[in-house]
Amino acid sequence: GKAKLVNASGIHVNVSVGGGKGVKTAVKFPQGSPA
């Protein structure tokens, strides 16, 4: 959700997913996007 900021700005979100040994995942998320 949209961040509620107090004395802050420029908050960005990155998401990664780990699937364990030998498992590859595809992440569809706008990396580095504002919350």
PDB file of all heavy atoms in Angstrom:
ATOM      1  N   GLY A   1       0.811  -1.211   0.000  1.00  0.00           N
ATOM      2  CA  GLY A   1       0.000   0.000   0.000  1.00  0.00           C
ATOM      3  C   GLY A   1       0.847   1.265   0.000  1.00  0.00           C
ATOM      4  O   GLY A   1       2.056   1.243   0.252  1.00  0.00           O
ATOM      5  N   LYS A   2       0.201   2.375  -0.256  1.00  0.00           N
ATOM      6  CA  LYS A   2       0.865   3.664  -0.262  1.00  0.00           C
ATOM      7  C   LYS A   2       1.401   3.965   1.133  1.00  0.00           C
ATOM      8  O   LYS A   2       0.713   3.795   2.129  1.00  0.00           O
ATOM      9  CB  LYS A   2      -0.110   4.753  -0.697  1.00  0.00           C
ATOM     10  CG  LYS A   2       0.522   6.100  -0.824  1.00  0.00           C
ATOM     11  CD  LYS A   2      -0.441   7.130  -1.377  1.00  0.00           C
ATOM     12  CE  LYS A   2       0.261   8.474  -1.496  1.00  0.00           C
ATOM     13  NZ  LYS A   2      -0.613   9.485  -2.049  1.00  0.00           N
ATOM     14  N   ALA A   3       2.640   4.423   1.204  1.00  0.00           N
ATOM     15  CA  ALA A   3       3.279   4.700   2.492  1.00  0.00           C
ATOM     16  C   ALA A   3       2.770   6.013   3.078  1.00  0.00           C
ATOM     17  O   ALA A   3       2.548   6.986   2.357  1.00  0.00           O
ATOM     18  CB  ALA A   3       4.792   4.764   2.319  1.00  0.00           C
ATOM     19  N   LYS A   4       2.577   6.002   4.388  1.00  0.00           N
ATOM     20  CA  LYS A   4       2.303   7.225   5.137  1.00  0.00           C
ATOM     21  C   LYS A   4       3.637   7.654   5.727  1.00  0.00           C
ATOM     22  O   LYS A   4       4.232   6.935   6.517  1.00  0.00           O
ATOM     23  CB  LYS A   4       1.271   6.960   6.223  1.00  0.00           C
ATOM     24  CG  LYS A   4      -0.080   6.558   5.664  1.00  0.00           C
ATOM     25  CD  LYS A   4      -1.035   6.188   6.801  1.00  0.00           C
ATOM     26  CE  LYS A   4      -2.292   5.593   6.218  1.00  0.00           C
ATOM     27  NZ  LYS A   4      -2.285   4.148   6.160  1.00  0.00           N
ATOM     28  N   LEU A   5       4.119   8.823   5.321  1.00  0.00           N
ATOM     29  CA  LEU A   5       5.457   9.272   5.693  1.00  0.00           C
ATOM     30  C   LEU A   5       5.411  10.331   6.788  1.00  0.00           C
ATOM     31  O   LEU A   5       4.567  11.216   6.774  1.00  0.00           O
ATOM     32  CB  LEU A   5       6.169   9.851   4.466  1.00  0.00           C
ATOM     33  CG  LEU A   5       6.259   8.936   3.243  1.00  0.00           C
ATOM     34  CD1 LEU A   5       6.893   9.673   2.085  1.00  0.00           C
ATOM     35  CD2 LEU A   5       7.023   7.672   3.576  1.00  0.00           C
ATOM     36  N   VAL A   6       6.344  10.228   7.718  1.00  0.00           N
ATOM     37  CA  VAL A   6       6.545  11.232   8.764  1.00  0.00           C
ATOM     38  C   VAL A   6       8.014  11.635   8.704  1.00  0.00           C
ATOM     39  O   VAL A   6       8.898  10.794   8.919  1.00  0.00           O
ATOM     40  CB  VAL A   6       6.186  10.672  10.162  1.00  0.00           C
ATOM     41  CG1 VAL A   6       6.517  11.687  11.245  1.00  0.00           C
ATOM     42  CG2 VAL A   6       4.730  10.260  10.226  1.00  0.00           C
ATOM     43  N   ASN A   7       8.283  12.895   8.359  1.00  0.00           N
ATOM     44  CA  ASN A   7       9.664  13.392   8.215  1.00  0.00           C
ATOM     45  C   ASN A   7      10.476  12.502   7.282  1.00  0.00           C
ATOM     46  O   ASN A   7      11.634  12.191   7.558  1.00  0.00           O
ATOM     47  CB  ASN A   7      10.357  13.488   9.576  1.00  0.00           C
ATOM     48  CG  ASN A   7       9.748  14.550  10.454  1.00  0.00           C
ATOM     49  OD1 ASN A   7       9.256  15.551   9.970  1.00  0.00           O
ATOM     50  ND2 ASN A   7       9.762  14.303  11.741  1.00  0.00           N
ATOM     51  N   ALA A   8       9.884  12.070   6.197  1.00  0.00           N
ATOM     52  CA  ALA A   8      10.564  11.170   5.267  1.00  0.00           C
ATOM     53  C   ALA A   8      10.082  11.451   3.853  1.00  0.00           C
ATOM     54  O   ALA A   8       9.009  12.001   3.642  1.00  0.00           O
ATOM     55  CB  ALA A   8      10.277   9.718   5.642  1.00  0.00           C
ATOM     56  N   SER A   9      10.906  11.044   2.883  1.00  0.00           N
ATOM     57  CA  SER A   9      10.520  11.123   1.475  1.00  0.00           C
ATOM     58  C   SER A   9      11.374  10.131   0.701  1.00  0.00           C
ATOM     59  O   SER A   9      12.365   9.610   1.219  1.00  0.00           O
ATOM     60  CB  SER A   9      10.720  12.536   0.923  1.00  0.00           C
ATOM     61  OG  SER A   9      12.081  12.880   0.942  1.00  0.00           O
ATOM     62  N   GLY A  10      10.970   9.857  -0.526  1.00  0.00           N
ATOM     63  CA  GLY A  10      11.773   9.002  -1.394  1.00  0.00           C
ATOM     64  C   GLY A  10      11.836   7.545  -0.987  1.00  0.00           C
ATOM     65  O   GLY A  10      12.822   6.878  -1.231  1.00  0.00           O
ATOM     66  N   ILE A  11      10.776   7.025  -0.369  1.00  0.00           N
ATOM     67  CA  ILE A  11      10.746   5.618   0.023  1.00  0.00           C
ATOM     68  C   ILE A  11      10.449   4.781  -1.219  1.00  0.00           C
ATOM     69  O   ILE A  11       9.478   5.032  -1.919  1.00  0.00           O
ATOM     70  CB  ILE A  11       9.676   5.351   1.102  1.00  0.00           C
ATOM     71  CG1 ILE A  11       9.923   6.216   2.331  1.00  0.00           C
ATOM     72  CG2 ILE A  11       9.599   3.875   1.441  1.00  0.00           C
ATOM     73  CD1 ILE A  11      11.176   5.894   3.088  1.00  0.00           C
ATOM     74  N   HIS A  12      11.292   3.784  -1.501  1.00  0.00           N
ATOM     75  CA  HIS A  12      11.121   2.896  -2.650  1.00  0.00           C
ATOM     76  C   HIS A  12      11.140   1.455  -2.185  1.00  0.00           C
ATOM     77  O   HIS A  12      11.733   1.122  -1.168  1.00  0.00           O
ATOM     78  CB  HIS A  12      12.215   3.127  -3.688  1.00  0.00           C
ATOM     79  CG  HIS A  12      12.138   4.474  -4.317  1.00  0.00           C
ATOM     80  ND1 HIS A  12      11.403   4.722  -5.446  1.00  0.00           N
ATOM     81  CD2 HIS A  12      12.672   5.662  -3.949  1.00  0.00           C
ATOM     82  CE1 HIS A  12      11.504   6.007  -5.768  1.00  0.00           C
ATOM     83  NE2 HIS A  12      12.270   6.600  -4.865  1.00  0.00           N
ATOM     84  N   VAL A  13      10.490   0.573  -2.975  1.00  0.00           N
ATOM     85  CA  VAL A  13      10.341  -0.827  -2.598  1.00  0.00           C
ATOM     86  C   VAL A  13      10.963  -1.727  -3.649  1.00  0.00           C
ATOM     87  O   VAL A  13      10.751  -1.530  -4.847  1.00  0.00           O
ATOM     88  CB  VAL A  13       8.842  -1.188  -2.450  1.00  0.00           C
ATOM     89  CG1 VAL A  13       8.660  -2.657  -2.156  1.00  0.00           C
ATOM     90  CG2 VAL A  13       8.204  -0.342  -1.357  1.00  0.00           C
ATOM     91  N   ASN A  14      11.736  -2.724  -3.205  1.00  0.00           N
ATOM     92  CA  ASN A  14      12.225  -3.802  -4.054  1.00  0.00           C
ATOM     93  C   ASN A  14      11.735  -5.113  -3.463  1.00  0.00           C
ATOM     94  O   ASN A  14      11.670  -5.254  -2.245  1.00  0.00           O
ATOM     95  CB  ASN A  14      13.755  -3.828  -4.117  1.00  0.00           C
ATOM     96  CG  ASN A  14      14.313  -2.695  -4.944  1.00  0.00           C
ATOM     97  OD1 ASN A  14      13.726  -2.301  -5.933  1.00  0.00           O
ATOM     98  ND2 ASN A  14      15.438  -2.167  -4.521  1.00  0.00           N
ATOM     99  N   VAL A  15      11.389  -6.073  -4.311  1.00  0.00           N
ATOM    100  CA  VAL A  15      10.879  -7.363  -3.858  1.00  0.00           C
ATOM    101  C   VAL A  15      11.691  -8.472  -4.505  1.00  0.00           C
ATOM    102  O   VAL A  15      11.967  -8.430  -5.700  1.00  0.00           O
ATOM    103  CB  VAL A  15       9.382  -7.529  -4.232  1.00  0.00           C
ATOM    104  CG1 VAL A  15       8.898  -8.917  -3.882  1.00  0.00           C
ATOM    105  CG2 VAL A  15       8.548  -6.477  -3.533  1.00  0.00           C
ATOM    106  N   SER A  16      12.067  -9.469  -3.706  1.00  0.00           N
ATOM    107  CA  SER A  16      12.712 -10.657  -4.246  1.00  0.00           C
ATOM    108  C   SER A  16      12.068 -11.873  -3.595  1.00  0.00           C
ATOM    109  O   SER A  16      11.513 -11.780  -2.511  1.00  0.00           O
ATOM    110  CB  SER A  16      14.213 -10.632  -3.995  1.00  0.00           C
ATOM    111  OG  SER A  16      14.475 -10.663  -2.608  1.00  0.00           O
ATOM    112  N   VAL A  17      12.132 -12.992  -4.284  1.00  0.00           N
ATOM    113  CA  VAL A  17      11.526 -14.229  -3.790  1.00  0.00           C
ATOM    114  C   VAL A  17      12.559 -15.334  -3.896  1.00  0.00           C
ATOM    115  O   VAL A  17      13.169 -15.512  -4.942  1.00  0.00           O
ATOM    116  CB  VAL A  17      10.274 -14.603  -4.622  1.00  0.00           C
ATOM    117  CG1 VAL A  17       9.704 -15.924  -4.167  1.00  0.00           C
ATOM    118  CG2 VAL A  17       9.232 -13.495  -4.539  1.00  0.00           C
ATOM    119  N   GLY A  18      12.745 -16.055  -2.807  1.00  0.00           N
ATOM    120  CA  GLY A  18      13.641 -17.207  -2.826  1.00  0.00           C
ATOM    121  C   GLY A  18      12.820 -18.475  -2.824  1.00  0.00           C
ATOM    122  O   GLY A  18      11.865 -18.601  -2.069  1.00  0.00           O
ATOM    123  N   GLY A  19      13.162 -19.415  -3.672  1.00  0.00           N
ATOM    124  CA  GLY A  19      12.392 -20.647  -3.763  1.00  0.00           C
ATOM    125  C   GLY A  19      13.132 -21.871  -3.261  1.00  0.00           C
ATOM    126  O   GLY A  19      12.637 -22.973  -3.365  1.00  0.00           O
ATOM    127  N   GLY A  20      14.319 -21.694  -2.731  1.00  0.00           N
ATOM    128  CA  GLY A  20      15.074 -22.851  -2.260  1.00  0.00           C
ATOM    129  C   GLY A  20      16.004 -23.381  -3.336  1.00  0.00           C
ATOM    130  O   GLY A  20      16.000 -22.939  -4.479  1.00  0.00           O
ATOM    131  N   LYS A  21      16.786 -24.376  -2.975  1.00  0.00           N
ATOM    132  CA  LYS A  21      17.788 -24.951  -3.868  1.00  0.00           C
ATOM    133  C   LYS A  21      17.155 -25.501  -5.151  1.00  0.00           C
ATOM    134  O   LYS A  21      16.235 -26.310  -5.107  1.00  0.00           O
ATOM    135  CB  LYS A  21      18.522 -26.070  -3.137  1.00  0.00           C
ATOM    136  CG  LYS A  21      19.613 -26.709  -3.944  1.00  0.00           C
ATOM    137  CD  LYS A  21      20.297 -27.806  -3.175  1.00  0.00           C
ATOM    138  CE  LYS A  21      21.339 -28.477  -4.036  1.00  0.00           C
ATOM    139  NZ  LYS A  21      21.924 -29.612  -3.335  1.00  0.00           N
ATOM    140  N   GLY A  22      17.639 -25.034  -6.278  1.00  0.00           N
ATOM    141  CA  GLY A  22      17.191 -25.549  -7.562  1.00  0.00           C
ATOM    142  C   GLY A  22      15.861 -25.002  -8.055  1.00  0.00           C
ATOM    143  O   GLY A  22      15.398 -25.388  -9.117  1.00  0.00           O
ATOM    144  N   VAL A  23      15.225 -24.120  -7.295  1.00  0.00           N
ATOM    145  CA  VAL A  23      13.922 -23.582  -7.714  1.00  0.00           C
ATOM    146  C   VAL A  23      14.112 -22.145  -8.159  1.00  0.00           C
ATOM    147  O   VAL A  23      14.646 -21.317  -7.427  1.00  0.00           O
ATOM    148  CB  VAL A  23      12.896 -23.640  -6.551  1.00  0.00           C
ATOM    149  CG1 VAL A  23      11.579 -23.021  -6.977  1.00  0.00           C
ATOM    150  CG2 VAL A  23      12.698 -25.067  -6.092  1.00  0.00           C
ATOM    151  N   LYS A  24      13.698 -21.852  -9.377  1.00  0.00           N
ATOM    152  CA  LYS A  24      13.778 -20.495  -9.895  1.00  0.00           C
ATOM    153  C   LYS A  24      12.383 -19.886  -9.848  1.00  0.00           C
ATOM    154  O   LYS A  24      11.391 -20.577 -10.053  1.00  0.00           O
ATOM    155  CB  LYS A  24      14.299 -20.494 -11.326  1.00  0.00           C
ATOM    156  CG  LYS A  24      15.741 -20.945 -11.421  1.00  0.00           C
ATOM    157  CD  LYS A  24      16.242 -20.865 -12.833  1.00  0.00           C
ATOM    158  CE  LYS A  24      17.687 -21.324 -12.897  1.00  0.00           C
ATOM    159  NZ  LYS A  24      18.226 -21.246 -14.245  1.00  0.00           N
ATOM    160  N   THR A  25      12.332 -18.598  -9.581  1.00  0.00           N
ATOM    161  CA  THR A  25      11.041 -17.911  -9.526  1.00  0.00           C
ATOM    162  C   THR A  25      11.054 -16.713 -10.453  1.00  0.00           C
ATOM    163  O   THR A  25      12.112 -16.177 -10.781  1.00  0.00           O
ATOM    164  CB  THR A  25      10.740 -17.429  -8.087  1.00  0.00           C
ATOM    165  OG1 THR A  25      11.808 -16.599  -7.661  1.00  0.00           O
ATOM    166  CG2 THR A  25      10.573 -18.589  -7.133  1.00  0.00           C
ATOM    167  N   ALA A  26       9.875 -16.317 -10.870  1.00  0.00           N
ATOM    168  CA  ALA A  26       9.701 -15.111 -11.670  1.00  0.00           C
ATOM    169  C   ALA A  26       8.945 -14.109 -10.816  1.00  0.00           C
ATOM    170  O   ALA A  26       7.890 -14.426 -10.278  1.00  0.00           O
ATOM    171  CB  ALA A  26       8.916 -15.424 -12.947  1.00  0.00           C
ATOM    172  N   VAL A  27       9.499 -12.919 -10.667  1.00  0.00           N
ATOM    173  CA  VAL A  27       8.851 -11.878  -9.886  1.00  0.00           C
ATOM    174  C   VAL A  27       8.405 -10.778 -10.833  1.00  0.00           C
ATOM    175  O   VAL A  27       9.202 -10.239 -11.593  1.00  0.00           O
ATOM    176  CB  VAL A  27       9.806 -11.295  -8.816  1.00  0.00           C
ATOM    177  CG1 VAL A  27       9.137 -10.158  -8.067  1.00  0.00           C
ATOM    178  CG2 VAL A  27      10.260 -12.378  -7.862  1.00  0.00           C
ATOM    179  N   LYS A  28       7.132 -10.484 -10.790  1.00  0.00           N
ATOM    180  CA  LYS A  28       6.574  -9.406 -11.607  1.00  0.00           C
ATOM    181  C   LYS A  28       6.169  -8.292 -10.648  1.00  0.00           C
ATOM    182  O   LYS A  28       5.083  -8.304 -10.077  1.00  0.00           O
ATOM    183  CB  LYS A  28       5.379  -9.901 -12.410  1.00  0.00           C
ATOM    184  CG  LYS A  28       5.758 -10.977 -13.400  1.00  0.00           C
ATOM    185  CD  LYS A  28       4.558 -11.570 -14.090  1.00  0.00           C
ATOM    186  CE  LYS A  28       5.005 -12.706 -14.987  1.00  0.00           C
ATOM    187  NZ  LYS A  28       3.898 -13.539 -15.419  1.00  0.00           N
ATOM    188  N   PHE A  29       7.084  -7.365 -10.424  1.00  0.00           N
ATOM    189  CA  PHE A  29       6.861  -6.249  -9.514  1.00  0.00           C
ATOM    190  C   PHE A  29       7.714  -5.091  -9.999  1.00  0.00           C
ATOM    191  O   PHE A  29       8.882  -5.288 -10.348  1.00  0.00           O
ATOM    192  CB  PHE A  29       7.280  -6.643  -8.092  1.00  0.00           C
ATOM    193  CG  PHE A  29       6.925  -5.617  -7.043  1.00  0.00           C
ATOM    194  CD1 PHE A  29       5.666  -5.602  -6.479  1.00  0.00           C
ATOM    195  CD2 PHE A  29       7.857  -4.681  -6.635  1.00  0.00           C
ATOM    196  CE1 PHE A  29       5.333  -4.665  -5.518  1.00  0.00           C
ATOM    197  CE2 PHE A  29       7.533  -3.742  -5.676  1.00  0.00           C
ATOM    198  CZ  PHE A  29       6.271  -3.735  -5.116  1.00  0.00           C
ATOM    199  N   PRO A  30       7.166  -3.893 -10.036  1.00  0.00           N
ATOM    200  CA  PRO A  30       7.958  -2.754 -10.499  1.00  0.00           C
ATOM    201  C   PRO A  30       9.058  -2.419  -9.495  1.00  0.00           C
ATOM    202  O   PRO A  30       8.844  -1.691  -8.540  1.00  0.00           O
ATOM    203  CB  PRO A  30       6.929  -1.629 -10.626  1.00  0.00           C
ATOM    204  CG  PRO A  30       5.792  -2.029  -9.741  1.00  0.00           C
ATOM    205  CD  PRO A  30       5.803  -3.531  -9.685  1.00  0.00           C
ATOM    206  N   GLN A  31      10.249  -3.016  -9.670  1.00  0.00           N
ATOM    207  CA  GLN A  31      11.354  -2.859  -8.727  1.00  0.00           C
ATOM    208  C   GLN A  31      11.760  -1.398  -8.586  1.00  0.00           C
ATOM    209  O   GLN A  31      11.796  -0.655  -9.557  1.00  0.00           O
ATOM    210  CB  GLN A  31      12.552  -3.690  -9.177  1.00  0.00           C
ATOM    211  CG  GLN A  31      12.295  -5.177  -9.256  1.00  0.00           C
ATOM    212  CD  GLN A  31      11.992  -5.809  -7.903  1.00  0.00           C
ATOM    213  OE1 GLN A  31      12.534  -5.423  -6.892  1.00  0.00           O
ATOM    214  NE2 GLN A  31      11.101  -6.776  -7.882  1.00  0.00           N
ATOM    215  N   GLY A  32      12.061  -1.007  -7.352  1.00  0.00           N
ATOM    216  CA  GLY A  32      12.478   0.357  -7.088  1.00  0.00           C
ATOM    217  C   GLY A  32      11.357   1.358  -7.183  1.00  0.00           C
ATOM    218  O   GLY A  32      11.586   2.556  -7.232  1.00  0.00           O
ATOM    219  N   SER A  33      10.128   0.868  -7.203  1.00  0.00           N
ATOM    220  CA  SER A  33       8.996   1.777  -7.346  1.00  0.00           C
ATOM    221  C   SER A  33       8.661   2.412  -6.006  1.00  0.00           C
ATOM    222  O   SER A  33       8.972   1.871  -4.954  1.00  0.00           O
ATOM    223  CB  SER A  33       7.774   1.022  -7.863  1.00  0.00           C
ATOM    224  OG  SER A  33       7.334   0.113  -6.884  1.00  0.00           O
ATOM    225  N   PRO A  34       8.029   3.580  -6.043  1.00  0.00           N
ATOM    226  CA  PRO A  34       7.530   4.138  -4.787  1.00  0.00           C
ATOM    227  C   PRO A  34       6.540   3.151  -4.182  1.00  0.00           C
ATOM    228  O   PRO A  34       5.864   2.429  -4.897  1.00  0.00           O
ATOM    229  CB  PRO A  34       6.827   5.417  -5.218  1.00  0.00           C
ATOM    230  CG  PRO A  34       7.397   5.745  -6.553  1.00  0.00           C
ATOM    231  CD  PRO A  34       7.764   4.430  -7.188  1.00  0.00           C
ATOM    232  N   ALA A  35       6.476   3.101  -2.865  1.00  0.00           N
ATOM    233  CA  ALA A  35       5.539   2.182  -2.214  1.00  0.00           C
ATOM    234  C   ALA A  35       4.142   2.449  -2.748  1.00  0.00           C
ATOM    235  O   ALA A  35       3.767   3.579  -2.969  1.00  0.00           O
ATOM    236  CB  ALA A  35       5.600   2.362  -0.711  1.00  0.00           C
TER     237      ALA A  35
END
